[in-house]
N, C-alpha and C. Protein backbone atom coordinates (compact mmCIF):
# COMPACT_ATOMS: atom_id res chain seq x y z
N MET A 1 245.72 174.19 0.11
CA MET A 1 245.95 173.72 1.41
C MET A 1 246.72 174.76 2.10
N TYR A 2 246.30 174.79 3.39
CA TYR A 2 246.88 175.73 4.47
C TYR A 2 247.64 174.84 5.39
N THR A 3 248.90 175.25 5.59
CA THR A 3 249.70 174.82 6.66
C THR A 3 250.24 175.83 7.79
N ILE A 4 250.13 175.59 8.92
CA ILE A 4 250.54 176.72 9.90
C ILE A 4 251.88 175.93 10.48
N VAL A 5 253.01 176.71 10.43
CA VAL A 5 254.33 176.20 10.81
C VAL A 5 254.50 176.78 12.17
N SER A 6 254.79 176.05 13.18
CA SER A 6 255.24 176.40 14.52
C SER A 6 256.72 176.38 14.36
N GLY A 7 257.23 177.59 14.30
CA GLY A 7 258.72 177.89 13.92
C GLY A 7 259.71 177.57 15.11
N THR A 8 259.57 176.67 15.92
CA THR A 8 260.47 176.30 17.01
C THR A 8 260.48 174.69 17.27
N ASN A 9 261.60 174.24 17.79
CA ASN A 9 261.66 172.79 18.19
C ASN A 9 261.52 172.70 19.69
N ARG A 10 261.41 173.94 20.36
CA ARG A 10 261.29 173.84 21.75
C ARG A 10 260.09 173.19 22.32
N HIS A 11 260.15 172.36 23.23
CA HIS A 11 259.08 171.64 23.86
C HIS A 11 258.23 172.53 24.72
N GLY A 12 256.90 172.41 24.64
CA GLY A 12 255.90 173.17 25.38
C GLY A 12 255.99 174.70 25.16
N SER A 13 256.30 175.10 23.83
CA SER A 13 256.44 176.37 23.46
C SER A 13 255.15 177.19 23.27
N ASN A 14 255.23 178.43 23.51
CA ASN A 14 254.07 179.55 23.34
C ASN A 14 253.73 179.43 21.74
N THR A 15 254.64 179.19 20.88
CA THR A 15 254.56 179.22 19.52
C THR A 15 253.48 178.14 19.14
N LEU A 16 253.63 176.90 19.64
CA LEU A 16 252.94 175.98 19.25
C LEU A 16 251.27 176.19 19.86
N LYS A 17 251.26 176.84 20.94
CA LYS A 17 249.90 177.10 21.60
C LYS A 17 249.24 178.29 20.47
N VAL A 18 250.08 179.17 20.07
CA VAL A 18 249.59 180.14 19.12
C VAL A 18 249.17 179.58 17.70
N ALA A 19 249.76 178.47 17.43
CA ALA A 19 249.53 177.76 16.20
C ALA A 19 248.00 177.09 16.28
N LYS A 20 247.95 176.65 17.46
CA LYS A 20 246.61 175.92 17.64
C LYS A 20 245.42 176.84 17.61
N GLU A 21 245.72 178.14 18.16
CA GLU A 21 244.68 179.17 18.13
C GLU A 21 244.39 179.58 16.72
N TYR A 22 245.55 179.83 15.89
CA TYR A 22 245.28 180.06 14.54
C TYR A 22 244.55 179.08 13.80
N GLN A 23 244.84 177.71 14.09
CA GLN A 23 244.14 176.79 13.48
C GLN A 23 242.68 176.68 13.87
N ARG A 24 242.37 177.28 15.12
CA ARG A 24 241.04 177.19 15.54
C ARG A 24 240.23 178.33 14.71
N LEU A 25 240.97 179.59 14.74
CA LEU A 25 240.41 180.61 14.02
C LEU A 25 240.33 180.46 12.54
N LEU A 26 241.06 179.74 11.88
CA LEU A 26 240.90 179.35 10.55
C LEU A 26 239.67 178.44 10.33
N LYS A 27 239.51 177.42 11.27
CA LYS A 27 238.45 176.50 11.18
C LYS A 27 237.02 177.35 11.33
N GLU A 28 237.12 178.33 12.25
CA GLU A 28 235.79 179.19 12.30
C GLU A 28 235.45 179.81 10.95
N ARG A 29 236.39 180.00 10.22
CA ARG A 29 236.32 180.54 8.81
C ARG A 29 235.99 179.52 7.75
N GLY A 30 235.90 178.34 8.07
CA GLY A 30 235.77 177.23 7.10
C GLY A 30 236.93 176.75 6.42
N ILE A 31 238.12 176.98 7.07
CA ILE A 31 239.22 176.51 6.42
C ILE A 31 239.98 175.56 7.33
N GLU A 32 240.34 174.38 6.89
CA GLU A 32 240.96 173.25 7.57
C GLU A 32 242.61 173.59 7.38
N ALA A 33 243.16 173.59 8.34
CA ALA A 33 244.73 173.85 8.17
C ALA A 33 245.51 172.85 9.06
N ASN A 34 246.70 172.45 8.47
CA ASN A 34 247.60 171.53 9.19
C ASN A 34 248.45 172.27 10.01
N ILE A 35 248.91 171.60 11.16
CA ILE A 35 249.96 172.34 11.85
C ILE A 35 251.15 171.47 11.74
N LEU A 36 252.34 172.00 11.41
CA LEU A 36 253.52 171.62 11.12
C LEU A 36 254.49 172.06 12.32
N SER A 37 254.51 171.13 13.38
CA SER A 37 255.50 171.48 14.42
C SER A 37 256.78 171.03 14.16
N LEU A 38 257.86 171.89 14.59
CA LEU A 38 259.16 171.51 14.30
C LEU A 38 259.69 170.64 15.57
N GLU A 39 258.78 170.72 16.59
CA GLU A 39 259.10 170.00 17.95
C GLU A 39 259.29 168.53 17.60
N GLY A 40 260.54 168.01 17.87
CA GLY A 40 260.63 166.62 17.73
C GLY A 40 261.05 166.10 16.18
N LEU A 41 261.17 167.05 15.34
CA LEU A 41 261.67 166.75 13.97
C LEU A 41 263.24 166.96 13.81
N ASN A 42 263.88 165.75 13.27
CA ASN A 42 265.31 165.95 13.05
C ASN A 42 265.39 166.66 11.86
N LEU A 43 265.79 167.90 11.70
CA LEU A 43 266.08 168.76 10.66
C LEU A 43 267.50 168.77 10.18
N LEU A 44 268.39 168.11 10.76
CA LEU A 44 269.78 168.10 10.42
C LEU A 44 269.99 167.12 9.33
N THR A 45 269.28 166.08 9.08
CA THR A 45 269.36 165.09 8.37
C THR A 45 268.19 164.85 7.29
N ARG A 46 268.48 164.56 6.07
CA ARG A 46 267.36 164.37 5.11
C ARG A 46 267.09 162.82 5.16
N ASP A 47 266.22 162.34 6.02
CA ASP A 47 266.01 160.97 6.30
C ASP A 47 264.52 160.74 5.78
N ALA A 48 264.18 159.47 6.02
CA ALA A 48 262.71 159.14 5.56
C ALA A 48 261.70 159.90 6.13
N ALA A 49 261.61 160.37 7.58
CA ALA A 49 260.62 160.94 8.08
C ALA A 49 260.63 162.43 7.38
N PHE A 50 261.83 163.06 7.13
CA PHE A 50 261.84 164.37 6.59
C PHE A 50 261.22 164.33 5.17
N GLU A 51 261.66 163.28 4.40
CA GLU A 51 260.99 163.27 3.02
C GLU A 51 259.52 163.08 3.06
N LYS A 52 259.04 162.34 4.09
CA LYS A 52 257.71 162.10 4.18
C LYS A 52 256.87 163.27 4.44
N MET A 53 257.45 164.09 5.48
CA MET A 53 256.93 165.52 5.72
C MET A 53 256.88 166.34 4.54
N GLU A 54 258.03 166.33 3.80
CA GLU A 54 258.20 167.19 2.66
C GLU A 54 257.09 166.78 1.54
N ASN A 55 256.95 165.50 1.22
CA ASN A 55 255.87 165.06 0.33
C ASN A 55 254.55 165.28 0.78
N GLU A 56 254.09 165.06 1.99
CA GLU A 56 252.87 165.05 2.43
C GLU A 56 252.35 166.35 2.91
N ILE A 57 253.15 167.32 3.21
CA ILE A 57 252.83 168.66 3.77
C ILE A 57 253.37 169.68 2.95
N ILE A 58 254.46 169.83 2.77
CA ILE A 58 255.20 171.02 2.07
C ILE A 58 254.85 171.09 0.78
N LEU A 59 255.01 169.89 0.00
CA LEU A 59 254.60 170.13 -1.47
C LEU A 59 253.33 170.41 -1.76
N PRO A 60 252.21 169.85 -1.19
CA PRO A 60 250.79 170.19 -1.53
C PRO A 60 250.38 171.47 -0.96
N THR A 61 251.07 171.99 0.06
CA THR A 61 250.70 173.40 0.73
C THR A 61 250.98 174.44 -0.33
N GLN A 62 249.97 175.28 -0.46
CA GLN A 62 250.10 176.57 -1.26
C GLN A 62 250.17 177.79 -0.33
N LYS A 63 249.60 177.66 0.87
CA LYS A 63 249.52 178.89 1.72
C LYS A 63 249.93 178.43 3.09
N PHE A 64 251.04 179.08 3.46
CA PHE A 64 251.79 178.83 4.76
C PHE A 64 251.53 179.92 5.65
N LEU A 65 251.35 179.74 6.86
CA LEU A 65 251.27 180.67 8.04
C LEU A 65 252.52 180.37 8.86
N PHE A 66 253.54 181.24 8.89
CA PHE A 66 254.61 180.84 9.74
C PHE A 66 254.46 181.63 10.96
N LEU A 67 254.65 181.02 12.24
CA LEU A 67 254.56 181.66 13.42
C LEU A 67 256.00 181.61 13.82
N VAL A 68 256.57 182.93 14.00
CA VAL A 68 258.01 182.84 14.13
C VAL A 68 258.35 183.45 15.49
N PRO A 69 258.93 182.67 16.35
CA PRO A 69 259.33 183.11 17.60
C PRO A 69 260.64 183.99 17.69
N GLU A 70 260.66 184.79 18.55
CA GLU A 70 262.01 185.54 18.74
C GLU A 70 263.09 184.73 19.41
N TYR A 71 264.19 184.57 18.62
CA TYR A 71 265.33 183.90 19.44
C TYR A 71 266.48 184.97 19.21
N ASN A 72 267.05 185.51 20.17
CA ASN A 72 268.15 186.41 20.21
C ASN A 72 268.05 187.56 19.00
N GLY A 73 266.98 188.12 18.99
CA GLY A 73 266.74 189.23 17.92
C GLY A 73 266.30 188.86 16.63
N SER A 74 266.19 187.56 16.22
CA SER A 74 265.84 186.98 14.90
C SER A 74 264.82 185.94 15.07
N TYR A 75 265.02 184.88 14.23
CA TYR A 75 264.24 183.55 14.22
C TYR A 75 265.10 182.46 14.56
N PRO A 76 264.41 181.24 14.78
CA PRO A 76 265.31 180.25 15.31
C PRO A 76 265.91 179.55 13.94
N GLY A 77 267.13 178.99 14.34
CA GLY A 77 267.97 178.35 13.28
C GLY A 77 267.33 177.10 12.81
N VAL A 78 266.37 176.42 13.72
CA VAL A 78 265.72 175.23 13.27
C VAL A 78 264.74 175.57 12.16
N LEU A 79 264.05 176.78 12.18
CA LEU A 79 263.20 177.23 11.05
C LEU A 79 263.94 177.31 9.69
N LYS A 80 265.12 177.77 9.80
CA LYS A 80 265.95 177.89 8.60
C LYS A 80 266.31 176.56 8.05
N MET A 81 266.55 175.48 8.98
CA MET A 81 266.95 174.15 8.65
C MET A 81 265.82 173.53 7.81
N LEU A 82 264.53 173.90 8.11
CA LEU A 82 263.49 173.47 7.39
C LEU A 82 263.68 173.63 5.87
N PHE A 83 264.17 174.73 5.45
CA PHE A 83 264.58 175.05 4.17
C PHE A 83 265.81 174.38 3.58
N ASP A 84 266.77 174.48 4.47
CA ASP A 84 268.14 174.10 4.06
C ASP A 84 268.27 172.51 3.84
N THR A 85 267.62 171.87 4.48
CA THR A 85 267.39 170.26 4.55
C THR A 85 266.57 169.80 3.38
N GLY A 86 265.76 170.69 2.65
CA GLY A 86 264.88 170.15 1.68
C GLY A 86 265.57 169.67 0.47
N SER A 87 264.89 169.00 -0.37
CA SER A 87 265.40 168.40 -1.59
C SER A 87 265.76 169.35 -2.68
N SER A 88 264.97 170.61 -2.65
CA SER A 88 265.33 171.58 -3.57
C SER A 88 264.60 172.81 -3.04
N HIS A 89 265.15 173.98 -3.38
CA HIS A 89 264.45 175.19 -3.05
C HIS A 89 263.22 175.30 -3.97
N SER A 90 263.13 174.67 -4.92
CA SER A 90 262.10 174.99 -5.91
C SER A 90 260.67 174.40 -5.28
N ILE A 91 260.68 173.50 -4.37
CA ILE A 91 259.41 173.14 -3.74
C ILE A 91 258.80 174.25 -3.09
N TRP A 92 259.42 175.29 -2.61
CA TRP A 92 258.81 176.46 -2.10
C TRP A 92 258.37 177.56 -3.06
N TRP A 93 258.90 177.59 -4.27
CA TRP A 93 258.57 178.49 -5.24
C TRP A 93 257.16 178.79 -5.47
N TYR A 94 256.82 180.02 -5.55
CA TYR A 94 255.62 180.76 -5.86
C TYR A 94 254.26 180.27 -4.91
N LYS A 95 254.75 180.01 -3.69
CA LYS A 95 253.75 179.85 -2.70
C LYS A 95 253.69 181.06 -1.96
N LYS A 96 252.56 180.96 -0.99
CA LYS A 96 252.30 182.27 -0.32
C LYS A 96 252.50 182.05 1.28
N ALA A 97 252.81 183.19 1.94
CA ALA A 97 253.17 183.05 3.21
C ALA A 97 252.60 184.21 4.23
N LEU A 98 252.04 183.89 5.28
CA LEU A 98 251.59 184.89 6.28
C LEU A 98 252.66 184.81 7.45
N LEU A 99 253.16 185.96 8.02
CA LEU A 99 253.97 185.73 9.07
C LEU A 99 253.47 186.49 10.29
N THR A 100 253.68 185.89 11.44
CA THR A 100 253.41 186.48 12.81
C THR A 100 254.48 186.14 13.69
N GLY A 101 254.87 187.23 14.49
CA GLY A 101 255.97 187.04 15.25
C GLY A 101 255.52 186.81 16.64
N VAL A 102 256.17 185.97 17.41
CA VAL A 102 255.72 185.39 18.77
C VAL A 102 256.84 185.79 19.73
N SER A 103 256.52 186.58 20.92
CA SER A 103 257.54 186.99 21.70
C SER A 103 256.82 187.23 23.14
N THR A 104 257.68 186.95 24.14
CA THR A 104 257.30 187.29 25.49
C THR A 104 257.76 188.74 25.75
N GLY A 105 258.59 189.24 24.83
CA GLY A 105 259.16 190.68 25.00
C GLY A 105 258.14 191.60 24.55
N ARG A 106 258.67 192.81 24.30
CA ARG A 106 257.74 193.74 23.89
C ARG A 106 257.73 194.19 22.41
N ALA A 107 258.61 193.54 21.61
CA ALA A 107 258.51 193.85 20.21
C ALA A 107 257.95 192.91 19.20
N GLY A 108 257.51 191.74 19.84
CA GLY A 108 256.83 190.82 19.04
C GLY A 108 257.58 190.21 17.88
N ASN A 109 258.89 190.24 17.97
CA ASN A 109 259.81 189.75 17.00
C ASN A 109 259.64 190.47 15.57
N VAL A 110 259.50 191.61 15.48
CA VAL A 110 259.46 192.51 14.35
C VAL A 110 260.65 192.17 13.60
N ARG A 111 262.05 192.31 14.09
CA ARG A 111 263.16 192.28 13.41
C ARG A 111 263.29 190.75 12.87
N GLY A 112 262.79 189.69 13.61
CA GLY A 112 263.12 188.41 13.23
C GLY A 112 262.03 188.26 11.87
N MET A 113 260.93 188.77 12.04
CA MET A 113 260.06 188.62 10.77
C MET A 113 260.57 189.17 9.62
N GLU A 114 261.24 190.29 9.69
CA GLU A 114 261.91 190.98 8.62
C GLU A 114 263.10 190.04 8.05
N HIS A 115 263.71 189.57 9.01
CA HIS A 115 264.90 188.66 8.61
C HIS A 115 264.34 187.52 7.77
N PHE A 116 263.27 186.83 8.28
CA PHE A 116 262.74 185.68 7.71
C PHE A 116 261.97 186.06 6.47
N ALA A 117 261.45 187.10 6.35
CA ALA A 117 260.69 187.50 5.03
C ALA A 117 261.78 187.47 4.03
N GLY A 118 263.00 187.90 4.40
CA GLY A 118 264.01 188.05 3.30
C GLY A 118 264.41 186.59 2.78
N VAL A 119 264.40 185.66 3.72
CA VAL A 119 264.70 184.31 3.25
C VAL A 119 263.50 183.73 2.34
N LEU A 120 262.19 184.01 2.76
CA LEU A 120 261.22 183.73 1.94
C LEU A 120 261.21 184.33 0.74
N ASN A 121 261.41 185.41 0.47
CA ASN A 121 261.56 186.20 -0.84
C ASN A 121 262.64 185.60 -1.68
N TYR A 122 263.70 185.15 -1.09
CA TYR A 122 264.64 184.53 -1.90
C TYR A 122 264.22 183.33 -2.39
N LEU A 123 263.31 182.65 -1.66
CA LEU A 123 262.82 181.28 -2.23
C LEU A 123 261.61 181.56 -3.05
N ARG A 124 261.42 182.71 -3.56
CA ARG A 124 260.26 183.07 -4.34
C ARG A 124 258.82 182.77 -3.78
N ILE A 125 258.78 183.12 -2.51
CA ILE A 125 257.61 182.82 -1.72
C ILE A 125 256.94 184.38 -1.61
N THR A 126 255.69 184.48 -2.01
CA THR A 126 255.04 185.81 -1.88
C THR A 126 254.67 185.89 -0.37
N VAL A 127 255.08 187.10 0.25
CA VAL A 127 254.97 187.27 1.73
C VAL A 127 253.87 188.35 1.86
N TYR A 128 252.69 187.96 2.47
CA TYR A 128 251.77 188.94 2.64
C TYR A 128 252.21 190.07 3.64
N PRO A 129 252.01 191.23 3.26
CA PRO A 129 252.71 192.40 3.96
C PRO A 129 252.29 192.83 5.34
N ASN A 130 251.02 192.26 5.73
CA ASN A 130 250.71 192.54 7.31
C ASN A 130 251.32 191.66 8.06
N LEU A 131 252.39 191.81 8.60
CA LEU A 131 253.22 190.99 9.48
C LEU A 131 252.61 191.39 10.83
N LEU A 132 252.33 190.53 11.81
CA LEU A 132 251.67 190.73 13.06
C LEU A 132 252.61 190.51 14.09
N PRO A 133 253.08 191.38 14.83
CA PRO A 133 253.92 191.09 15.86
C PRO A 133 252.91 190.85 17.17
N LEU A 134 253.12 189.57 17.88
CA LEU A 134 252.49 189.40 19.13
C LEU A 134 253.41 189.49 20.31
N SER A 135 253.30 190.54 20.97
CA SER A 135 254.21 190.98 22.13
C SER A 135 253.50 190.33 23.33
N VAL A 136 254.50 190.09 24.36
CA VAL A 136 254.02 189.59 25.56
C VAL A 136 253.02 188.57 25.53
N VAL A 137 253.10 187.58 24.55
CA VAL A 137 252.19 186.55 24.27
C VAL A 137 251.84 185.67 25.43
N ASP A 138 252.57 185.61 26.46
CA ASP A 138 252.44 184.81 27.66
C ASP A 138 251.35 185.41 28.41
N LYS A 139 251.19 186.83 28.17
CA LYS A 139 250.12 187.35 29.07
C LYS A 139 248.85 187.55 28.19
N LEU A 140 248.84 187.14 27.03
CA LEU A 140 247.61 187.20 26.27
C LEU A 140 246.74 185.89 26.07
N MET A 141 247.38 184.91 26.85
CA MET A 141 246.84 183.64 26.74
C MET A 141 246.45 183.03 28.10
N ASP A 142 245.52 182.21 28.33
CA ASP A 142 245.22 181.65 29.64
C ASP A 142 246.16 180.21 29.77
N GLY A 143 246.06 179.59 30.81
CA GLY A 143 246.77 178.53 31.03
C GLY A 143 246.68 177.39 30.20
N LYS A 144 245.54 177.27 29.36
CA LYS A 144 245.25 176.21 28.40
C LYS A 144 245.83 176.60 26.84
N GLY A 145 246.31 177.89 26.71
CA GLY A 145 246.85 178.35 25.58
C GLY A 145 245.74 179.00 24.68
N ASN A 146 244.67 179.33 25.28
CA ASN A 146 243.69 180.12 24.52
C ASN A 146 243.73 181.71 24.62
N PHE A 147 243.72 182.38 23.63
CA PHE A 147 243.88 183.84 23.66
C PHE A 147 242.73 184.33 24.55
N THR A 148 242.95 185.33 25.43
CA THR A 148 241.95 185.87 26.27
C THR A 148 241.91 187.42 26.03
N ASP A 149 242.76 187.91 25.31
CA ASP A 149 242.88 189.43 25.00
C ASP A 149 242.12 189.67 23.71
N GLU A 150 241.01 190.41 23.84
CA GLU A 150 239.84 190.55 22.76
C GLU A 150 240.71 191.33 21.53
N ASN A 151 241.65 192.31 21.88
CA ASN A 151 242.28 193.08 20.84
C ASN A 151 243.17 192.19 20.01
N THR A 152 243.85 191.24 20.70
CA THR A 152 244.76 190.24 19.97
C THR A 152 243.89 189.38 18.96
N ILE A 153 242.69 188.83 19.54
CA ILE A 153 241.79 188.00 18.75
C ILE A 153 241.41 188.87 17.47
N LYS A 154 240.99 190.09 17.70
CA LYS A 154 240.47 190.86 16.64
C LYS A 154 241.71 191.10 15.50
N ALA A 155 242.81 191.41 16.12
CA ALA A 155 243.98 191.68 15.06
C ALA A 155 244.31 190.40 14.36
N ILE A 156 244.24 189.24 15.07
CA ILE A 156 244.50 188.11 14.24
C ILE A 156 243.49 187.75 13.26
N GLY A 157 242.27 188.00 13.72
CA GLY A 157 241.07 187.76 12.80
C GLY A 157 241.10 188.64 11.54
N GLN A 158 241.53 189.95 11.64
CA GLN A 158 241.73 190.78 10.51
C GLN A 158 242.79 190.33 9.61
N GLN A 159 243.91 189.98 10.25
CA GLN A 159 245.11 189.38 9.40
C GLN A 159 244.75 188.15 8.68
N LEU A 160 243.96 187.30 9.32
CA LEU A 160 243.58 186.06 8.59
C LEU A 160 242.51 186.51 7.56
N ASP A 161 241.55 187.22 7.72
CA ASP A 161 240.63 187.58 6.82
C ASP A 161 241.17 188.22 5.47
N GLN A 162 242.23 189.15 5.84
CA GLN A 162 242.96 189.78 4.65
C GLN A 162 243.61 188.87 3.85
N PHE A 163 244.43 187.92 4.65
CA PHE A 163 245.39 186.89 3.98
C PHE A 163 244.52 186.16 2.96
N ILE A 164 243.34 185.56 3.47
CA ILE A 164 242.43 184.69 2.77
C ILE A 164 241.87 185.32 1.46
N GLU A 165 241.47 186.59 1.80
CA GLU A 165 240.92 187.42 0.51
C GLU A 165 242.02 187.85 -0.45
N TRP A 166 243.22 188.21 0.11
CA TRP A 166 244.24 188.74 -0.81
C TRP A 166 244.67 187.40 -1.79
N PHE A 167 244.68 186.19 -1.38
CA PHE A 167 245.19 185.07 -2.10
C PHE A 167 244.09 184.29 -2.80
N ASN A 168 242.95 184.87 -2.72
CA ASN A 168 241.84 183.94 -3.48
C ASN A 168 241.58 184.43 -4.85
């Protein structure tokens, strides 16, 4: 099972728009993927809603695609809370992850992806080495959240194809 994690709780984020594009591109490849948006989730408390999400999404997922927005030169604290609030770190062990940085700036959150990859490695998650920084993401999409830049679509397609092949 594939799950795309939109790594922010910010309403109307570019990250969620990118997640929907990744979902569409995976579907073109015959892969159905869930989107786990952190928007509206209470990650401060391990409540019934969190346990339901953990049991229905995190536990059965073997391949995660983390879309990591740049927050102050790193990744959002709410994304870290997804792991910290969990029942056990072992629910993440031996799973696979693809990382894409999302930024309206020019670096595409390269530094944040490296920070986040360190956390995933600690949790025994195998991180696919082709980290893709998406810079000036707001200029790569139209008003509906669809990618309009052919080079970006091609780069994401190559990243997805390699990730799918690497873990089959």
